[in-house]
Amino acid sequence: QVQLAESGGGSLQSGGSLTLDCAVLSGDITHFYFMAWFRQAPGKEREWVAAIDSDGSSTYAYSVKDRFTISQDNAKSTLTLQTDSLKIEDTAVYYCAGRKCGVPKYEYWGQGTQVTVSS
């Protein structure tokens, strides 16, 4: 059973940076056609943040565009989200997710990592 495990969350002041990693355990990241990051802030619904496909093409939510960068290291089976210029409103639990080709939804999810941004 493929598992995803996030790491790298923490607490920091606004304007700072964090690197979030998602390791694909008991499997290979290349088995996924899409990998993505989602986040859920307290009292809010989970929202999509960024995604990358097997060709390396990436897309971003407007709220994080030009501040966050998604990347994938196939050799390490790791998905990374580089978060820069963090804002208080970026505070959330961040989840990575994987979706296989032909499957319309993300089936594989990590347990999440907390990011807390303060002023």
C-alpha atoms as a PDB file:
ATOM      1  CA  GLN A   1       0.000   0.000   0.000  1.00  0.00           C
ATOM      2  CA  VAL A   2       1.471   3.309  -1.093  1.00  0.00           C
ATOM      3  CA  GLN A   3       1.693   5.895   1.661  1.00  0.00           C
ATOM      4  CA  LEU A   4       2.516   9.591   1.585  1.00  0.00           C
ATOM      5  CA  ALA A   5       4.302  11.296   4.445  1.00  0.00           C
ATOM      6  CA  GLU A   6       4.715  15.068   4.740  1.00  0.00           C
ATOM      7  CA  SER A   7       7.412  16.832   6.707  1.00  0.00           C
ATOM      8  CA  GLY A   8       8.883  20.287   7.079  1.00  0.00           C
ATOM      9  CA  GLY A   9       6.071  22.223   8.696  1.00  0.00           C
ATOM     10  CA  GLY A  10       6.666  24.646  11.526  1.00  0.00           C
ATOM     11  CA  SER A  11       6.021  28.042  13.048  1.00  0.00           C
ATOM     12  CA  LEU A  12       7.576  31.211  11.708  1.00  0.00           C
ATOM     13  CA  GLN A  13       7.005  34.898  11.173  1.00  0.00           C
ATOM     14  CA  SER A  14       5.437  36.387   8.097  1.00  0.00           C
ATOM     15  CA  GLY A  15       7.836  36.910   5.241  1.00  0.00           C
ATOM     16  CA  GLY A  16       9.718  33.717   6.011  1.00  0.00           C
ATOM     17  CA  SER A  17      10.141  30.515   4.046  1.00  0.00           C
ATOM     18  CA  LEU A  18       9.571  26.831   4.616  1.00  0.00           C
ATOM     19  CA  THR A  19      10.266  23.767   2.527  1.00  0.00           C
ATOM     20  CA  LEU A  20       7.622  21.079   2.756  1.00  0.00           C
ATOM     21  CA  ASP A  21       8.462  17.582   1.599  1.00  0.00           C
ATOM     22  CA  CYS A  22       6.241  14.619   0.825  1.00  0.00           C
ATOM     23  CA  ALA A  23       7.853  11.213   0.677  1.00  0.00           C
ATOM     24  CA  VAL A  24       6.199   8.402  -1.241  1.00  0.00           C
ATOM     25  CA  LEU A  25       6.588   5.313   0.906  1.00  0.00           C
ATOM     26  CA  SER A  26       6.243   1.713  -0.244  1.00  0.00           C
ATOM     27  CA  GLY A  27       5.909   2.897  -3.818  1.00  0.00           C
ATOM     28  CA  ASP A  28       7.236   5.091  -6.596  1.00  0.00           C
ATOM     29  CA  ILE A  29       6.218   8.682  -7.219  1.00  0.00           C
ATOM     30  CA  THR A  30       6.238   8.014 -10.966  1.00  0.00           C
ATOM     31  CA  HIS A  31       3.172   5.801 -10.466  1.00  0.00           C
ATOM     32  CA  PHE A  32       1.181   8.996 -10.007  1.00  0.00           C
ATOM     33  CA  TYR A  33       0.104  11.086 -12.957  1.00  0.00           C
ATOM     34  CA  PHE A  34      -0.572  14.112 -10.764  1.00  0.00           C
ATOM     35  CA  MET A  35       0.866  15.102  -7.432  1.00  0.00           C
ATOM     36  CA  ALA A  36      -0.526  18.052  -5.530  1.00  0.00           C
ATOM     37  CA  TRP A  37      -0.514  20.071  -2.342  1.00  0.00           C
ATOM     38  CA  PHE A  38      -3.691  21.048  -0.548  1.00  0.00           C
ATOM     39  CA  ARG A  39      -4.192  22.959   2.677  1.00  0.00           C
ATOM     40  CA  GLN A  40      -6.869  23.384   5.272  1.00  0.00           C
ATOM     41  CA  ALA A  41      -7.033  26.357   7.588  1.00  0.00           C
ATOM     42  CA  PRO A  42      -8.987  26.242  10.870  1.00  0.00           C
ATOM     43  CA  GLY A  43     -12.702  26.524  10.213  1.00  0.00           C
ATOM     44  CA  LYS A  44     -12.262  26.446   6.447  1.00  0.00           C
ATOM     45  CA  GLU A  45     -12.627  23.847   3.743  1.00  0.00           C
ATOM     46  CA  ARG A  46      -9.607  22.170   2.267  1.00  0.00           C
ATOM     47  CA  GLU A  47      -8.278  24.048  -0.750  1.00  0.00           C
ATOM     48  CA  TRP A  48      -6.001  23.116  -3.596  1.00  0.00           C
ATOM     49  CA  VAL A  49      -2.626  24.892  -3.570  1.00  0.00           C
ATOM     50  CA  ALA A  50      -0.512  23.532  -6.416  1.00  0.00           C
ATOM     51  CA  ALA A  51      -0.116  20.527  -8.671  1.00  0.00           C
ATOM     52  CA  ILE A  52       2.487  18.984 -10.929  1.00  0.00           C
ATOM     53  CA  ASP A  53       1.988  16.376 -13.628  1.00  0.00           C
ATOM     54  CA  SER A  54       4.231  13.594 -14.836  1.00  0.00           C
ATOM     55  CA  ASP A  55       5.682  15.885 -17.525  1.00  0.00           C
ATOM     56  CA  GLY A  56       6.744  18.386 -14.885  1.00  0.00           C
ATOM     57  CA  SER A  57       4.135  21.005 -15.726  1.00  0.00           C
ATOM     58  CA  SER A  58       2.932  22.865 -12.662  1.00  0.00           C
ATOM     59  CA  THR A  59      -0.091  24.972 -11.781  1.00  0.00           C
ATOM     60  CA  TYR A  60      -0.826  27.138  -8.759  1.00  0.00           C
ATOM     61  CA  ALA A  61      -3.703  28.669  -6.929  1.00  0.00           C
ATOM     62  CA  TYR A  62      -3.814  32.423  -7.463  1.00  0.00           C
ATOM     63  CA  SER A  63      -3.250  33.059  -3.754  1.00  0.00           C
ATOM     64  CA  VAL A  64       0.181  31.386  -3.800  1.00  0.00           C
ATOM     65  CA  LYS A  65       1.344  32.000  -7.349  1.00  0.00           C
ATOM     66  CA  ASP A  66       4.825  33.560  -7.509  1.00  0.00           C
ATOM     67  CA  ARG A  67       5.408  32.704  -3.827  1.00  0.00           C
ATOM     68  CA  PHE A  68       5.220  28.896  -3.800  1.00  0.00           C
ATOM     69  CA  THR A  69       7.054  26.422  -6.022  1.00  0.00           C
ATOM     70  CA  ILE A  70       6.107  22.775  -6.458  1.00  0.00           C
ATOM     71  CA  SER A  71       8.685  20.278  -7.630  1.00  0.00           C
ATOM     72  CA  GLN A  72       9.185  16.542  -7.833  1.00  0.00           C
ATOM     73  CA  ASP A  73      12.320  14.437  -7.468  1.00  0.00           C
ATOM     74  CA  ASN A  74      11.657  11.090  -9.118  1.00  0.00           C
ATOM     75  CA  ALA A  75      14.930   9.581  -7.935  1.00  0.00           C
ATOM     76  CA  LYS A  76      14.008  10.294  -4.317  1.00  0.00           C
ATOM     77  CA  SER A  77      10.253   9.753  -4.809  1.00  0.00           C
ATOM     78  CA  THR A  78       9.696  13.075  -3.113  1.00  0.00           C
ATOM     79  CA  LEU A  79       7.345  15.963  -3.768  1.00  0.00           C
ATOM     80  CA  THR A  80       8.410  19.369  -2.495  1.00  0.00           C
ATOM     81  CA  LEU A  81       6.608  22.652  -1.911  1.00  0.00           C
ATOM     82  CA  GLN A  82       8.908  25.617  -1.448  1.00  0.00           C
ATOM     83  CA  THR A  83       6.954  28.329   0.319  1.00  0.00           C
ATOM     84  CA  ASP A  84       8.371  31.867   0.294  1.00  0.00           C
ATOM     85  CA  SER A  85       7.086  35.234   1.469  1.00  0.00           C
ATOM     86  CA  LEU A  86       4.699  33.475   3.796  1.00  0.00           C
ATOM     87  CA  LYS A  87       1.655  35.353   5.010  1.00  0.00           C
ATOM     88  CA  ILE A  88      -0.518  34.892   8.088  1.00  0.00           C
ATOM     89  CA  GLU A  89      -3.285  33.621   5.812  1.00  0.00           C
ATOM     90  CA  ASP A  90      -1.019  30.758   4.704  1.00  0.00           C
ATOM     91  CA  THR A  91      -1.466  29.222   8.144  1.00  0.00           C
ATOM     92  CA  ALA A  92      -2.963  25.765   7.618  1.00  0.00           C
ATOM     93  CA  VAL A  93      -2.339  22.064   7.664  1.00  0.00           C
ATOM     94  CA  TYR A  94      -0.690  21.182   4.356  1.00  0.00           C
ATOM     95  CA  TYR A  95      -1.397  17.840   2.707  1.00  0.00           C
ATOM     96  CA  CYS A  96       0.187  16.159  -0.265  1.00  0.00           C
ATOM     97  CA  ALA A  97      -1.907  13.967  -2.540  1.00  0.00           C
ATOM     98  CA  GLY A  98      -1.405  11.665  -5.481  1.00  0.00           C
ATOM     99  CA  ARG A  99      -3.642  10.769  -8.386  1.00  0.00           C
ATOM    100  CA  LYS A 100      -3.080   8.024 -10.903  1.00  0.00           C
ATOM    101  CA  CYS A 101      -3.730   8.292 -14.624  1.00  0.00           C
ATOM    102  CA  GLY A 102      -7.403   7.877 -15.513  1.00  0.00           C
ATOM    103  CA  VAL A 103      -8.595   8.384 -11.954  1.00  0.00           C
ATOM    104  CA  PRO A 104     -10.659  11.564 -11.536  1.00  0.00           C
ATOM    105  CA  LYS A 105      -9.793  12.275  -7.933  1.00  0.00           C
ATOM    106  CA  TYR A 106      -6.832  12.219  -5.592  1.00  0.00           C
ATOM    107  CA  GLU A 107      -6.871   8.849  -3.881  1.00  0.00           C
ATOM    108  CA  TYR A 108      -3.685   8.960  -1.863  1.00  0.00           C
ATOM    109  CA  TRP A 109      -3.193  11.462   0.944  1.00  0.00           C
ATOM    110  CA  GLY A 110      -0.605  12.162   3.572  1.00  0.00           C
ATOM    111  CA  GLN A 111      -1.365  12.898   7.205  1.00  0.00           C
ATOM    112  CA  GLY A 112      -0.566  16.600   6.895  1.00  0.00           C
ATOM    113  CA  THR A 113       2.000  18.989   8.303  1.00  0.00           C
ATOM    114  CA  GLN A 114       1.158  22.175  10.202  1.00  0.00           C
ATOM    115  CA  VAL A 115       2.376  25.558   9.001  1.00  0.00           C
ATOM    116  CA  THR A 116       1.767  28.483  11.342  1.00  0.00           C
ATOM    117  CA  VAL A 117       2.652  32.009  10.253  1.00  0.00           C
ATOM    118  CA  SER A 118       2.527  34.852  12.750  1.00  0.00           C
ATOM    119  CA  SER A 119       3.088  38.586  12.532  1.00  0.00           C
END
